[in-house]
Amino acid sequence: MGCFVVPLVATIVIGLRRKTSHKKKTVEGFWLSIMMAGASIFGLIDHAWNGELFMLSSNLVADISLGFTITTGVFIGWLFIVHRERLSGHLPFIERKTGLYK
């Protein structure tokens, strides 16, 4: 259960930070929120599918470390996408397509 709780907590923290930040309208923060929410929902569906939604594993440390690994992987993927888009100059185009302006 810990493997989807960590991305879920990260999603909530990122969402709250975006709500209280004065720089709400950044496309980078929007995509990070979407990607973390996707990781949380995927983990939730996976556990519900396998009937393990509210079960605590015998090795909770391994589950939580898997959650941190998933969250770190999503964050590294997000950094790669943002860095690549900044280098290619497509970030303003993406901002117009999503309706997010700086």
Protein backbone atom coordinates (compact mmCIF):
# COMPACT_ATOMS: atom_id res chain seq x y z
CA MET A 1 0.00 0.00 0.00
CA GLY A 2 2.93 2.34 0.60
CA CYS A 3 3.91 2.34 -3.05
CA PHE A 4 0.91 4.45 -4.09
CA VAL A 5 0.67 6.49 -0.90
CA VAL A 6 4.02 8.25 -1.44
CA PRO A 7 3.10 9.56 -4.94
CA LEU A 8 -0.33 10.51 -3.57
CA VAL A 9 1.24 12.57 -0.79
CA ALA A 10 3.59 14.16 -3.33
CA THR A 11 0.58 15.01 -5.52
CA ILE A 12 -1.20 16.67 -2.60
CA VAL A 13 1.90 18.64 -1.57
CA ILE A 14 2.53 19.82 -5.14
CA GLY A 15 -1.13 20.78 -5.54
CA LEU A 16 -1.16 22.75 -2.30
CA ARG A 17 2.08 24.44 -3.23
CA ARG A 18 0.68 25.44 -6.62
CA LYS A 19 -2.44 26.86 -4.97
CA THR A 20 -0.48 29.01 -2.52
CA SER A 21 2.29 30.04 -4.92
CA HIS A 22 2.20 33.35 -6.72
CA LYS A 23 3.51 31.59 -9.84
CA LYS A 24 0.47 29.30 -10.33
CA LYS A 25 0.35 29.66 -14.07
CA THR A 26 3.47 27.74 -15.03
CA VAL A 27 3.20 24.89 -17.45
CA GLU A 28 5.98 23.04 -15.62
CA GLY A 29 4.06 22.88 -12.36
CA PHE A 30 0.90 21.86 -14.20
CA TRP A 31 2.61 18.89 -15.85
CA LEU A 32 4.31 17.81 -12.64
CA SER A 33 0.92 17.76 -10.91
CA ILE A 34 -0.62 15.74 -13.74
CA MET A 35 2.25 13.23 -13.85
CA MET A 36 2.26 12.69 -10.07
CA ALA A 37 -1.52 12.28 -10.04
CA GLY A 38 -1.19 9.73 -12.83
CA ALA A 39 1.35 7.73 -10.82
CA SER A 40 -0.95 7.82 -7.78
CA ILE A 41 -4.01 6.74 -9.74
CA PHE A 42 -2.06 3.97 -11.46
CA GLY A 43 -0.90 2.59 -8.12
CA LEU A 44 -4.39 2.85 -6.66
CA ILE A 45 -5.94 0.99 -9.61
CA ASP A 46 -3.21 -1.65 -9.54
CA HIS A 47 -3.77 -2.38 -5.86
CA ALA A 48 -7.57 -2.38 -6.25
CA TRP A 49 -7.28 -4.76 -9.22
CA ASN A 50 -5.18 -7.20 -7.23
CA GLY A 51 -7.37 -6.93 -4.12
CA GLU A 52 -4.61 -5.35 -2.04
CA LEU A 53 -6.06 -1.89 -1.59
CA PHE A 54 -6.17 -1.70 2.21
CA MET A 55 -3.69 -4.45 3.03
CA LEU A 56 -0.46 -3.66 4.76
CA SER A 57 2.45 -5.61 3.47
CA SER A 58 4.70 -7.64 5.70
CA ASN A 59 7.58 -5.54 4.38
CA LEU A 60 6.31 -1.97 4.69
CA VAL A 61 9.80 -0.50 4.27
CA ALA A 62 10.11 -2.10 0.82
CA ASP A 63 6.69 -0.74 -0.18
CA ILE A 64 7.54 2.78 0.92
CA SER A 65 10.93 2.66 -0.80
CA LEU A 66 9.13 1.53 -3.97
CA GLY A 67 6.84 4.55 -3.57
CA PHE A 68 9.85 6.84 -3.30
CA THR A 69 11.37 5.18 -6.36
CA ILE A 70 8.17 5.73 -8.35
CA THR A 71 7.97 9.35 -7.22
CA THR A 72 11.64 9.94 -8.05
CA GLY A 73 11.20 8.32 -11.47
CA VAL A 74 8.24 10.56 -12.28
CA PHE A 75 10.16 13.61 -11.09
CA ILE A 76 13.24 12.73 -13.20
CA GLY A 77 11.00 12.14 -16.23
CA TRP A 78 9.37 15.52 -15.63
CA LEU A 79 12.79 17.21 -15.36
CA PHE A 80 13.87 15.60 -18.63
CA ILE A 81 10.72 16.76 -20.44
CA VAL A 82 10.95 20.33 -19.10
CA HIS A 83 14.68 20.58 -19.89
CA ARG A 84 14.17 19.22 -23.41
CA GLU A 85 11.28 21.59 -24.10
CA ARG A 86 13.28 24.56 -22.85
CA LEU A 87 16.19 23.65 -25.12
CA SER A 88 13.98 23.13 -28.17
CA GLY A 89 11.95 26.28 -27.57
CA HIS A 90 8.57 24.52 -27.65
CA LEU A 91 7.60 25.53 -24.13
CA PRO A 92 5.72 28.71 -25.23
CA PHE A 93 3.81 26.60 -27.77
CA ILE A 94 2.82 24.11 -25.07
CA GLU A 95 1.75 26.98 -22.80
CA ARG A 96 -0.56 28.31 -25.52
CA LYS A 97 -2.01 24.85 -26.22
CA THR A 98 -2.79 24.19 -22.53
CA GLY A 99 -4.03 27.72 -21.85
CA LEU A 100 -1.25 28.45 -19.37
CA TYR A 101 0.60 31.73 -19.74
CA LYS A 102 3.41 33.17 -17.69
